[in-house]
Protein backbone atom coordinates (compact mmCIF):
# COMPACT_ATOMS: atom_id res chain seq x y z
CA UNK A 1 104.15 97.93 -103.11
CA UNK A 2 103.82 101.71 -102.76
CA UNK A 3 102.29 103.12 -99.58
CA UNK A 4 99.53 105.43 -100.87
CA UNK A 5 98.16 106.33 -97.37
CA UNK A 6 98.02 110.04 -96.63
CA UNK A 7 100.76 111.39 -94.31
CA UNK A 8 99.77 111.51 -90.62
CA UNK A 9 98.88 114.98 -89.35
CA UNK A 10 100.36 115.80 -85.99
CA UNK A 11 98.54 119.01 -85.54
CA UNK A 12 95.54 120.31 -87.55
CA UNK A 13 93.12 123.22 -87.71
CA UNK A 14 89.62 122.98 -88.98
CA UNK A 15 87.51 125.94 -89.82
CA UNK A 16 89.11 128.45 -87.48
CA UNK A 17 87.11 131.69 -87.24
CA UNK A 18 88.45 134.60 -85.08
CA UNK A 19 87.14 138.16 -84.84
CA UNK A 20 88.38 141.36 -83.13
CA UNK A 21 85.72 144.02 -82.52
CA UNK A 22 83.59 142.75 -85.36
CA UNK A 23 86.61 142.42 -87.79
CA UNK A 24 87.38 139.01 -88.90
CA UNK A 25 91.05 138.04 -88.61
CA UNK A 26 90.60 134.40 -89.74
CA UNK A 27 87.84 133.18 -92.07
CA UNK A 28 87.58 129.53 -91.74
CA UNK A 29 91.23 128.46 -91.84
CA UNK A 30 92.08 124.71 -92.41
CA UNK A 31 95.70 123.59 -91.95
CA UNK A 32 97.19 120.25 -91.50
CA UNK A 33 100.87 119.89 -90.38
CA UNK A 34 102.36 116.33 -91.15
CA UNK A 35 104.72 114.49 -88.79
CA UNK A 36 108.48 115.10 -89.37
CA UNK A 37 108.10 118.15 -91.49
CA UNK A 38 109.06 121.71 -91.49
CA UNK A 39 105.84 123.45 -92.52
CA UNK A 40 106.26 127.17 -93.43
CA UNK A 41 103.37 129.56 -92.59
CA UNK A 42 103.47 132.57 -94.91
CA UNK A 43 101.50 135.72 -95.47
CA UNK A 44 101.62 139.46 -95.54
CA UNK A 45 101.27 141.44 -92.30
CA UNK A 46 97.70 141.30 -91.32
CA UNK A 47 96.95 138.05 -93.15
CA UNK A 48 96.01 136.25 -89.97
CA UNK A 49 99.39 134.47 -89.23
CA UNK A 50 99.85 136.04 -85.78
CA UNK A 51 96.24 135.40 -84.80
CA UNK A 52 96.57 131.61 -85.94
CA UNK A 53 99.68 131.13 -84.09
CA UNK A 54 98.26 132.61 -80.80
CA UNK A 55 95.30 130.24 -81.10
CA UNK A 56 97.80 127.36 -81.50
CA UNK A 57 99.77 128.48 -78.61
CA UNK A 58 96.88 129.02 -76.24
CA UNK A 59 97.16 132.74 -76.10
CA UNK A 60 93.74 133.09 -77.53
CA UNK A 61 91.84 130.60 -75.31
CA UNK A 62 89.34 127.94 -76.47
CA UNK A 63 86.01 129.78 -76.58
CA UNK A 64 87.37 132.89 -78.10
CA UNK A 65 87.15 131.43 -81.60
CA UNK A 66 85.13 128.80 -83.45
CA UNK A 67 86.50 125.70 -85.15
CA UNK A 68 88.72 123.07 -83.70
CA UNK A 69 92.22 121.97 -83.20
CA UNK A 70 93.37 118.30 -83.29
CA UNK A 71 96.54 116.65 -82.21
CA UNK A 72 97.16 113.13 -83.60
CA UNK A 73 93.61 113.32 -84.91
CA UNK A 74 92.06 114.06 -81.49
CA UNK A 75 90.37 117.37 -80.53
CA UNK A 76 92.07 119.31 -78.05
CA UNK A 77 91.20 122.64 -76.11
CA UNK A 78 93.82 125.17 -75.10
CA UNK A 79 92.70 127.48 -72.03
CA UNK A 80 96.22 128.83 -71.75
CA UNK A 81 99.81 128.68 -73.02
CA UNK A 82 100.54 126.07 -70.30
CA UNK A 83 97.81 123.81 -71.74
CA UNK A 84 99.29 124.16 -75.18
CA UNK A 85 102.69 123.27 -73.81
CA UNK A 86 101.25 120.31 -71.91
CA UNK A 87 99.79 118.97 -75.19
CA UNK A 88 103.24 119.18 -76.75
CA UNK A 89 103.15 122.41 -78.60
CA UNK A 90 106.18 124.49 -78.15
CA UNK A 91 106.58 128.19 -79.11
CA UNK A 92 109.48 130.45 -79.78
CA UNK A 93 108.28 134.10 -80.20
CA UNK A 94 110.02 136.60 -82.45
CA UNK A 95 110.58 138.98 -79.68
CA UNK A 96 113.18 138.34 -77.12
CA UNK A 97 111.76 137.05 -73.73
CA UNK A 98 114.51 136.33 -71.41
CA UNK A 99 115.17 136.90 -67.70
CA UNK A 100 118.45 138.98 -67.90
CA UNK A 101 119.48 138.63 -64.13
CA UNK A 102 119.38 134.88 -64.39
CA UNK A 103 122.07 132.56 -65.93
CA UNK A 104 121.63 130.99 -69.43
CA UNK A 105 120.91 127.46 -67.69
CA UNK A 106 118.22 129.07 -65.46
CA UNK A 107 116.62 130.59 -68.52
CA UNK A 108 116.57 127.43 -70.47
CA UNK A 109 115.01 125.47 -67.68
CA UNK A 110 112.75 128.32 -66.41
CA UNK A 111 109.60 126.79 -65.00
CA UNK A 112 111.17 123.23 -64.65
CA UNK A 113 113.34 123.66 -61.67
CA UNK A 114 110.93 122.51 -59.06
CA UNK A 115 108.59 124.16 -56.52
CA UNK A 116 107.85 124.02 -52.88
CA UNK A 117 111.13 125.39 -51.68
CA UNK A 118 113.35 122.55 -53.12
CA UNK A 119 116.87 123.64 -53.84
CA UNK A 120 118.09 123.27 -57.41
CA UNK A 121 121.63 122.23 -58.10
CA UNK A 122 123.19 124.85 -60.18
CA UNK A 123 125.88 122.29 -61.34
CA UNK A 124 123.20 119.78 -62.40
CA UNK A 125 121.26 122.49 -64.33
CA UNK A 126 124.34 123.63 -66.20
CA UNK A 127 125.22 120.12 -67.01
CA UNK A 128 121.75 119.59 -68.56
CA UNK A 129 122.00 122.79 -70.39
CA UNK A 130 125.47 121.90 -71.65
CA UNK A 131 124.25 118.64 -72.90
CA UNK A 132 121.20 120.32 -74.71
CA UNK A 133 123.62 122.91 -76.20
CA UNK A 134 125.95 120.11 -77.45
CA UNK A 135 123.15 118.54 -79.46
CA UNK A 136 122.17 121.90 -80.82
CA UNK A 137 125.83 122.83 -81.80
CA UNK A 138 125.73 125.80 -79.34
CA UNK A 139 128.76 127.18 -77.44
CA UNK A 140 127.19 129.52 -75.09
CA UNK A 141 128.25 129.20 -71.52
CA UNK A 142 125.51 127.90 -69.44
CA UNK A 143 126.83 129.90 -66.33
CA UNK A 144 126.93 133.18 -68.04
CA UNK A 145 124.35 135.93 -67.12
CA UNK A 146 121.85 136.32 -69.96
CA UNK A 147 122.35 140.20 -69.56
CA UNK A 148 125.92 139.72 -70.90
CA UNK A 149 124.74 137.98 -74.14
CA UNK A 150 124.02 139.62 -77.51
CA UNK A 151 120.48 139.66 -78.98
CA UNK A 152 121.35 136.58 -81.25
CA UNK A 153 122.50 134.46 -78.27
CA UNK A 154 119.47 135.42 -76.42
CA UNK A 155 117.29 134.15 -79.25
CA UNK A 156 119.17 130.89 -79.39
CA UNK A 157 118.62 130.59 -75.59
CA UNK A 158 114.91 131.01 -76.20
CA UNK A 159 115.02 128.26 -78.94
CA UNK A 160 116.87 125.88 -76.47
CA UNK A 161 114.27 126.72 -73.84
CA UNK A 162 111.34 125.57 -76.15
CA UNK A 163 113.16 122.33 -77.03
CA UNK A 164 113.98 121.61 -73.30
CA UNK A 165 110.27 120.65 -73.17
CA UNK A 166 110.68 117.94 -75.86
CA UNK A 167 107.57 119.36 -77.79
CA UNK A 168 105.83 117.27 -80.45
CA UNK A 169 105.39 120.44 -82.48
CA UNK A 170 107.70 123.45 -82.37
CA UNK A 171 106.49 126.68 -83.66
CA UNK A 172 109.18 129.34 -84.70
CA UNK A 173 108.05 132.73 -85.30
CA UNK A 174 110.67 134.60 -87.40
CA UNK A 175 113.64 132.65 -85.60
CA UNK A 176 116.41 134.18 -87.82
CA UNK A 177 115.56 137.92 -87.43
CA UNK A 178 118.32 138.43 -84.92
CA UNK A 179 120.78 136.05 -86.34
CA UNK A 180 123.97 136.44 -88.43
CA UNK A 181 124.48 134.34 -91.44
CA UNK A 182 126.62 131.85 -89.69
CA UNK A 183 124.14 131.63 -86.81
CA UNK A 184 121.39 131.07 -89.44
CA UNK A 185 123.31 128.16 -90.94
CA UNK A 186 123.91 126.85 -87.48
CA UNK A 187 120.26 126.89 -86.79
CA UNK A 188 119.17 125.52 -89.92
CA UNK A 189 121.54 122.53 -89.32
CA UNK A 190 119.86 122.01 -85.93
CA UNK A 191 116.22 122.14 -87.24
CA UNK A 192 117.22 119.63 -90.08
CA UNK A 193 118.61 117.38 -87.28
CA UNK A 194 115.33 117.60 -85.55
CA UNK A 195 113.32 116.84 -88.65
CA UNK A 196 115.55 113.66 -89.10
CA UNK A 197 114.64 112.78 -85.55
CA UNK A 198 110.88 113.08 -86.43
CA UNK A 199 110.23 116.33 -84.87
CA UNK A 200 107.52 118.45 -86.47
CA UNK A 201 107.92 122.19 -86.91
CA UNK A 202 105.98 125.19 -88.02
CA UNK A 203 108.19 127.81 -89.34
CA UNK A 204 106.88 131.35 -89.60
CA UNK A 205 109.06 133.78 -91.70
CA UNK A 206 108.76 136.43 -94.26
CA UNK A 207 112.09 135.48 -95.75
CA UNK A 208 111.38 133.42 -98.90
CA UNK A 209 114.96 132.20 -99.36
CA UNK A 210 114.79 130.47 -96.03
CA UNK A 211 111.59 128.77 -97.04
CA UNK A 212 113.14 127.56 -100.30
CA UNK A 213 116.27 126.26 -98.48
CA UNK A 214 114.58 124.62 -95.55
CA UNK A 215 110.88 123.78 -95.60
CA UNK A 216 108.97 120.86 -96.95
CA UNK A 217 105.42 122.31 -97.32
CA UNK A 218 103.90 125.73 -96.98
CA UNK A 219 100.65 127.27 -96.34
CA UNK A 220 99.92 131.01 -97.43
CA UNK A 221 97.35 133.07 -95.67
CA UNK A 222 95.74 136.12 -97.28
CA UNK A 223 92.89 138.23 -95.68
CA UNK A 224 92.41 135.55 -93.03
CA UNK A 225 91.98 132.68 -95.46
CA UNK A 226 94.27 130.06 -96.92
CA UNK A 227 95.20 131.33 -100.14
CA UNK A 228 97.46 128.34 -101.26
CA UNK A 229 98.86 125.02 -100.08
CA UNK A 230 102.27 124.40 -101.87
CA UNK A 231 104.40 121.31 -101.79
CA UNK A 232 108.17 121.26 -101.99
CA UNK A 233 108.20 120.26 -105.58
CA UNK A 234 106.20 123.46 -106.50
CA UNK A 235 108.23 125.98 -104.47
CA UNK A 236 108.85 129.16 -106.35
CA UNK A 237 109.53 132.64 -105.01
CA UNK A 238 107.27 134.21 -107.47
CA UNK A 239 104.31 131.81 -106.68
CA UNK A 240 104.67 132.56 -103.04
CA UNK A 241 104.54 136.46 -103.71
CA UNK A 242 101.55 136.00 -105.88
CA UNK A 243 99.72 133.91 -103.24
CA UNK A 244 100.58 136.44 -100.55
CA UNK A 245 99.57 139.50 -102.36
CA UNK A 246 97.51 138.57 -105.41
CA UNK A 247 99.79 140.61 -107.69
CA UNK A 248 103.40 139.96 -108.97
CA UNK A 249 106.20 142.25 -107.94
CA UNK A 250 107.86 143.47 -111.16
CA UNK A 251 110.82 144.90 -109.68
CA UNK A 252 112.05 144.21 -106.05
CA UNK A 253 114.30 147.26 -105.58
CA UNK A 254 113.03 150.44 -107.30
CA UNK A 255 115.47 152.27 -109.70
CA UNK A 256 117.36 154.98 -108.13
CA UNK A 257 120.11 157.15 -109.72
CA UNK A 258 122.94 158.32 -107.34
CA UNK A 259 123.24 162.18 -107.16
CA UNK A 260 125.54 163.94 -109.34
CA UNK A 261 128.66 165.65 -107.77
CA UNK A 262 127.58 167.65 -104.95
CA UNK A 263 128.99 168.71 -101.54
CA UNK A 264 128.20 166.24 -98.69
CA UNK A 265 125.35 166.85 -96.46
CA UNK A 266 126.58 164.70 -93.72
CA UNK A 267 130.27 163.98 -92.98
CA UNK A 268 131.68 161.67 -90.45
CA UNK A 269 135.46 161.87 -89.55
CA UNK A 270 137.47 159.40 -87.36
CA UNK A 271 134.29 158.34 -85.49
CA UNK A 272 135.06 155.85 -82.51
CA UNK A 273 132.97 154.26 -79.87
CA UNK A 274 134.33 152.52 -76.80
CA UNK A 275 133.00 148.92 -76.80
CA UNK A 276 131.17 147.43 -73.88
CA UNK A 277 130.19 143.76 -74.26
CA UNK A 278 126.52 142.91 -74.04
CA UNK A 279 125.67 146.78 -74.60
CA UNK A 280 127.48 148.00 -77.73
CA UNK A 281 130.38 147.01 -79.90
CA UNK A 282 133.29 149.00 -80.48
CA UNK A 283 133.92 151.29 -83.53
CA UNK A 284 137.26 152.62 -84.54
CA UNK A 285 138.24 155.35 -86.93
CA UNK A 286 135.30 155.35 -89.15
CA UNK A 287 134.98 158.13 -91.82
CA UNK A 288 132.47 158.75 -94.61
CA UNK A 289 130.38 161.28 -96.49
CA UNK A 290 126.76 161.15 -97.55
CA UNK A 291 125.44 163.50 -100.12
CA UNK A 292 121.92 164.87 -100.36
CA UNK A 293 119.68 162.33 -102.20
CA UNK A 294 122.32 159.53 -101.65
CA UNK A 295 121.47 156.22 -100.03
CA UNK A 296 124.60 154.85 -98.19
CA UNK A 297 124.45 151.11 -97.05
CA UNK A 298 126.37 149.66 -94.15
CA UNK A 299 126.91 146.08 -94.82
CA UNK A 300 128.39 143.43 -92.55
CA UNK A 301 127.51 140.78 -90.20
CA UNK A 302 125.58 140.86 -86.84
CA UNK A 303 127.80 142.61 -84.17
CA UNK A 304 130.14 144.29 -86.70
CA UNK A 305 129.33 147.86 -85.25
CA UNK A 306 126.87 149.03 -87.80
CA UNK A 307 124.18 149.93 -85.28
CA UNK A 308 126.66 151.56 -83.00
CA UNK A 309 127.63 154.03 -85.90
CA UNK A 310 124.00 155.08 -86.30
CA UNK A 311 123.45 155.48 -82.48
CA UNK A 312 126.68 157.51 -82.20
CA UNK A 313 125.52 160.01 -85.09
CA UNK A 314 122.23 160.18 -83.37
CA UNK A 315 123.68 161.00 -79.97
CA UNK A 316 122.44 157.72 -78.38
CA UNK A 317 125.94 156.54 -77.18
CA UNK A 318 129.13 158.54 -76.48
CA UNK A 319 131.59 158.92 -79.36
CA UNK A 320 134.77 160.66 -80.35
CA UNK A 321 135.41 162.22 -83.72
CA UNK A 322 133.72 164.77 -85.64
CA UNK A 323 130.29 165.06 -87.32
CA UNK A 324 129.60 167.90 -89.88
CA UNK A 325 126.25 168.72 -91.34
CA UNK A 326 126.21 170.95 -94.48
CA UNK A 327 129.97 171.53 -93.89
CA UNK A 328 129.53 172.70 -90.43
CA UNK A 329 130.51 170.91 -87.29
CA UNK A 330 127.75 169.86 -85.07
CA UNK A 331 127.94 168.76 -81.44
CA UNK A 332 125.67 165.75 -80.82
CA UNK A 333 125.69 164.40 -77.29
CA UNK A 334 122.06 163.34 -77.07
CA UNK A 335 119.14 162.56 -79.29
CA UNK A 336 117.48 166.01 -78.95
CA UNK A 337 120.81 167.51 -80.47
CA UNK A 338 120.45 165.26 -83.47
CA UNK A 339 116.74 166.11 -84.01
CA UNK A 340 117.57 169.96 -83.79
CA UNK A 341 120.20 169.38 -86.50
CA UNK A 342 117.82 167.51 -88.86
CA UNK A 343 118.82 164.02 -88.17
CA UNK A 344 116.40 161.25 -87.47
CA UNK A 345 116.70 157.61 -86.45
CA UNK A 346 114.39 154.56 -87.27
CA UNK A 347 115.33 151.89 -84.54
CA UNK A 348 115.79 148.17 -85.10
CA UNK A 349 113.48 147.02 -82.35
CA UNK A 350 110.05 148.61 -82.85
CA UNK A 351 108.63 146.66 -79.96
CA UNK A 352 111.08 147.54 -77.23
CA UNK A 353 112.69 150.65 -78.60
CA UNK A 354 110.27 152.35 -80.75
CA UNK A 355 106.59 152.11 -80.18
CA UNK A 356 104.74 153.14 -77.13
CA UNK A 357 101.99 150.51 -76.40
CA UNK A 358 100.26 152.57 -73.77
CA UNK A 359 99.44 155.14 -76.39
CA UNK A 360 97.12 154.93 -79.36
CA UNK A 361 98.08 155.19 -83.07
CA UNK A 362 97.85 158.92 -83.42
CA UNK A 363 99.99 159.71 -80.22
CA UNK A 364 102.65 157.25 -81.57
CA UNK A 365 102.94 159.46 -84.57
CA UNK A 366 103.06 162.79 -83.02
CA UNK A 367 105.14 161.97 -79.96
CA UNK A 368 108.38 164.05 -80.16
CA UNK A 369 106.57 166.20 -82.87
CA UNK A 370 104.27 168.20 -80.72
CA UNK A 371 106.06 171.67 -81.03
CA UNK A 372 104.61 172.58 -84.46
CA UNK A 373 101.27 171.34 -83.40
CA UNK A 374 101.12 173.55 -80.28
CA UNK A 375 100.14 177.03 -79.43
CA UNK A 376 101.35 178.64 -76.10
CA UNK A 377 102.51 175.30 -74.86
CA UNK A 378 99.06 173.75 -75.40
CA UNK A 379 98.68 170.97 -78.18
CA UNK A 380 95.88 171.97 -80.65
CA UNK A 381 93.69 168.91 -81.13
CA UNK A 382 92.43 169.76 -84.60
CA UNK A 383 95.90 170.39 -85.91
CA UNK A 384 97.33 167.29 -84.35
CA UNK A 385 94.32 165.15 -85.81
CA UNK A 386 94.93 166.51 -89.30
CA UNK A 387 98.66 165.81 -89.10
CA UNK A 388 98.03 162.35 -87.91
CA UNK A 389 95.44 161.54 -90.64
CA UNK A 390 97.82 163.14 -93.27
CA UNK A 391 100.77 160.85 -92.10
CA UNK A 392 98.51 157.83 -92.08
CA UNK A 393 97.38 158.43 -95.65
CA UNK A 394 100.94 159.24 -96.78
CA UNK A 395 102.44 155.94 -95.40
CA UNK A 396 99.29 153.82 -95.97
CA UNK A 397 98.90 152.97 -92.33
CA UNK A 398 96.02 150.60 -91.98
CA UNK A 399 94.22 151.29 -88.61
CA UNK A 400 90.60 151.69 -87.76
CA UNK A 401 91.37 155.23 -86.39
CA UNK A 402 94.01 157.41 -84.80
CA UNK A 403 92.43 156.13 -81.43
CA UNK A 404 93.25 152.55 -82.41
CA UNK A 405 95.53 150.33 -80.20
CA UNK A 406 98.95 149.94 -81.52
CA UNK A 407 99.05 146.34 -80.36
CA UNK A 408 96.32 145.38 -82.79
CA UNK A 409 98.32 146.58 -85.79
CA UNK A 410 100.19 144.11 -88.08
CA UNK A 411 103.94 144.24 -88.00
CA UNK A 412 104.07 146.00 -91.17
CA UNK A 413 101.62 148.73 -90.10
CA UNK A 414 103.64 149.07 -86.80
CA UNK A 415 106.82 149.86 -88.88
CA UNK A 416 105.03 152.26 -91.15
CA UNK A 417 103.87 154.03 -87.94
CA UNK A 418 107.45 154.49 -86.93
CA UNK A 419 108.30 155.72 -90.34
CA UNK A 420 105.33 158.31 -89.92
CA UNK A 421 106.81 159.56 -86.67
CA UNK A 422 110.28 160.11 -87.85
CA UNK A 423 109.20 161.76 -91.11
CA UNK A 424 106.94 164.21 -89.35
CA UNK A 425 109.99 166.14 -88.39
CA UNK A 426 110.92 166.36 -92.02
CA UNK A 427 114.61 165.17 -91.48
CA UNK A 428 117.60 166.19 -93.66
CA UNK A 429 119.30 162.96 -92.71
CA UNK A 430 117.60 159.59 -92.04
CA UNK A 431 119.26 156.75 -90.28
CA UNK A 432 117.48 153.45 -90.93
CA UNK A 433 118.41 150.42 -88.78
CA UNK A 434 116.83 147.22 -90.22
CA UNK A 435 113.95 149.17 -91.89
CA UNK A 436 112.25 145.98 -93.20
CA UNK A 437 112.76 143.79 -90.27
CA UNK A 438 109.74 141.36 -89.58
CA UNK A 439 107.47 142.68 -92.43
CA UNK A 440 106.17 140.73 -95.40
CA UNK A 441 107.22 141.09 -99.06
CA UNK A 442 104.47 143.49 -100.04
CA UNK A 443 105.21 145.84 -97.22
CA UNK A 444 108.99 145.46 -97.93
CA UNK A 445 108.24 146.85 -101.48
CA UNK A 446 106.34 149.78 -100.02
CA UNK A 447 109.31 150.61 -97.80
CA UNK A 448 111.84 150.34 -100.57
CA UNK A 449 109.70 152.76 -102.68
CA UNK A 450 109.49 155.13 -99.65
CA UNK A 451 113.22 155.10 -99.18
CA UNK A 452 113.88 155.84 -102.87
CA UNK A 453 111.23 158.68 -102.91
CA UNK A 454 112.97 160.15 -99.85
CA UNK A 455 116.26 160.16 -101.70
CA UNK A 456 114.71 161.68 -104.74
CA UNK A 457 113.47 164.58 -102.41
CA UNK A 458 117.10 165.20 -101.31
CA UNK A 459 117.26 163.41 -97.96
CA UNK A 460 120.61 161.77 -97.24
CA UNK A 461 119.93 158.21 -96.06
CA UNK A 462 122.09 155.59 -94.27
CA UNK A 463 120.67 152.04 -94.27
CA UNK A 464 121.64 149.06 -92.17
CA UNK A 465 120.23 145.76 -93.13
CA UNK A 466 121.31 142.22 -92.14
CA UNK A 467 120.13 140.87 -95.51
CA UNK A 468 123.11 141.56 -97.79
CA UNK A 469 120.89 141.40 -100.88
CA UNK A 470 118.65 144.14 -99.61
CA UNK A 471 121.55 146.65 -98.54
CA UNK A 472 123.36 146.09 -101.86
CA UNK A 473 120.13 146.34 -103.85
CA UNK A 474 118.92 149.61 -102.24
CA UNK A 475 122.14 151.55 -101.84
CA UNK A 476 123.90 153.72 -104.20
CA UNK A 477 127.19 152.99 -102.38
CA UNK A 478 128.01 150.52 -99.71
CA UNK A 479 130.63 150.43 -96.89
CA UNK A 480 131.53 147.02 -95.41
CA UNK A 481 131.76 147.06 -91.78
CA UNK A 482 133.78 144.36 -89.73
CA UNK A 483 134.86 144.49 -86.03
CA UNK A 484 134.02 148.23 -85.86
CA UNK A 485 136.09 149.37 -88.90
CA UNK A 486 135.21 150.02 -92.70
CA UNK A 487 137.14 147.38 -94.47
CA UNK A 488 135.76 147.85 -98.04
CA UNK A 489 133.60 150.34 -100.22
CA UNK A 490 131.94 149.88 -103.49
CA UNK A 491 129.13 151.15 -105.66
CA UNK A 492 125.90 149.32 -106.34
CA UNK A 493 127.21 148.09 -109.82
CA UNK A 494 130.45 146.63 -108.31
CA UNK A 495 128.74 145.12 -105.17
CA UNK A 496 127.89 141.55 -104.44
CA UNK A 497 127.11 139.35 -101.36
CA UNK A 498 130.39 137.33 -102.17
CA UNK A 499 132.46 140.57 -102.05
CA UNK A 500 130.96 141.60 -98.66
CA UNK A 501 131.76 138.16 -97.13
CA UNK A 502 135.14 138.04 -98.57
CA UNK A 503 136.06 141.56 -97.33
CA UNK A 504 134.72 140.51 -93.64
CA UNK A 505 136.68 137.23 -93.77
CA UNK A 506 139.83 138.90 -94.83
CA UNK A 507 139.40 141.61 -92.01
CA UNK A 508 138.75 138.88 -89.39
CA UNK A 509 141.77 136.89 -90.56
CA UNK A 510 143.93 139.86 -90.35
CA UNK A 511 142.73 140.81 -86.88
CA UNK A 512 143.34 137.34 -85.65
CA UNK A 513 146.83 137.26 -87.13
CA UNK A 514 147.60 140.71 -85.40
CA UNK A 515 146.28 139.43 -82.11
CA UNK A 516 148.45 136.06 -82.40
CA UNK A 517 151.48 138.41 -83.21
CA UNK A 518 150.80 140.61 -80.12
CA UNK A 519 150.60 137.45 -77.88
CA UNK A 520 153.71 135.95 -79.40
CA UNK A 521 155.66 139.01 -78.86
CA UNK A 522 154.48 139.47 -75.26
CA UNK A 523 155.29 135.84 -74.53
CA UNK A 524 158.90 136.36 -75.98
CA UNK A 525 159.34 139.45 -73.92
CA UNK A 526 158.27 137.65 -70.68
CA UNK A 527 160.57 134.75 -71.42
């Protein structure tokens, strides 16, 4: 006899309404997440995902919204994040939140090590962490300082911390944003094991291939409402995009013709960076040219040295080698040197390394660009306001006014705000580190169009993107970077994800063989 009963909902929202300064962020949202499923929560930036997650996590306390939350069919009220956690709701934020001066084990069990002056056995703490990591398939040393970890490892520590509370429901906000391909596979294996154990998860992401590969059901928000509820059997990327945007994207990557033969605008020769573990990776002997109007992609895995190449060109980290602009050598030892030379950088981490949350929208655009807006050392307010409004219109930044708080903007609008800032200086060379990180499908398309438009205007662009499909689809030409070296190069027509991964694997195998050979020779000489 077939069981026709409806699946049991572990957590449910009914009629959730939330407003900010009279603007409705959620307009009567109903969602039911079933036991033992991985439920995707999708939507463009500004659709209401973050607001809903903050309500479910207790950040927006009961009373600040209308509607109700139910766990196992019973109404609950969260006055704080600790209330939500006490009811079995775990949360892993997108942004990295760790205590750098504590060990991995202390970070994993932060808040669970006892109060009242009780001493905690570090050995016991590390043993518990090691057991948890064993279940998760992680090999991070529990005794290591978190300050020594890469950003990807720090994110995995955060996921382990959330799981250490044994939550009934685990919410993961863009959990793969800082992970390499191999680390994503490892994480997905962990999440599938958790699902097999009956754990319930809410998976917030902008990456549709991840939803197709992992999730059981999906809820799509648009303009603060539920636009679609889609079961696994009906999963389709085009359907998701249409539900999120109300329109179909005809072409993911805009057409761009590589420039005809022209002298390079930017030339990098024998660029090398000394590696410092936990701070930056080493780079050795990197050389390339970029023509005006060309989009050059740097493809590779996390930690390959791509970001270090951009930061060296921008003067953020010391380097050896030569940089030429328009055929003339330039000395770039700090960011101001790069800016004077016409080189701009869009950083990877907009929250910690880009936006200034103590300043409003307008000041975030003009900061670093006040020279042309000033007279006799005094900023002209009318000129600054006109420049800000023009930049907001050009980049389609959706904010109430130039005085609005940056914190209230969606992730996509925050990213466009950074673009507005770097473009205000009219750079000749633009370095883009993960330009679409944490933005929805519609905003990605806007950014792709902007990148191609800049190239058509003669700007030379270098793009780093962890998603191989993105960097291959955007770039006229790609360099594959592995362990701080360029190991392959190809044009858009000759590129593929398989080619990149094979080039990286071959380089890593060659490096391992060389290391083994050195060790063998050293051992023989000692013998």
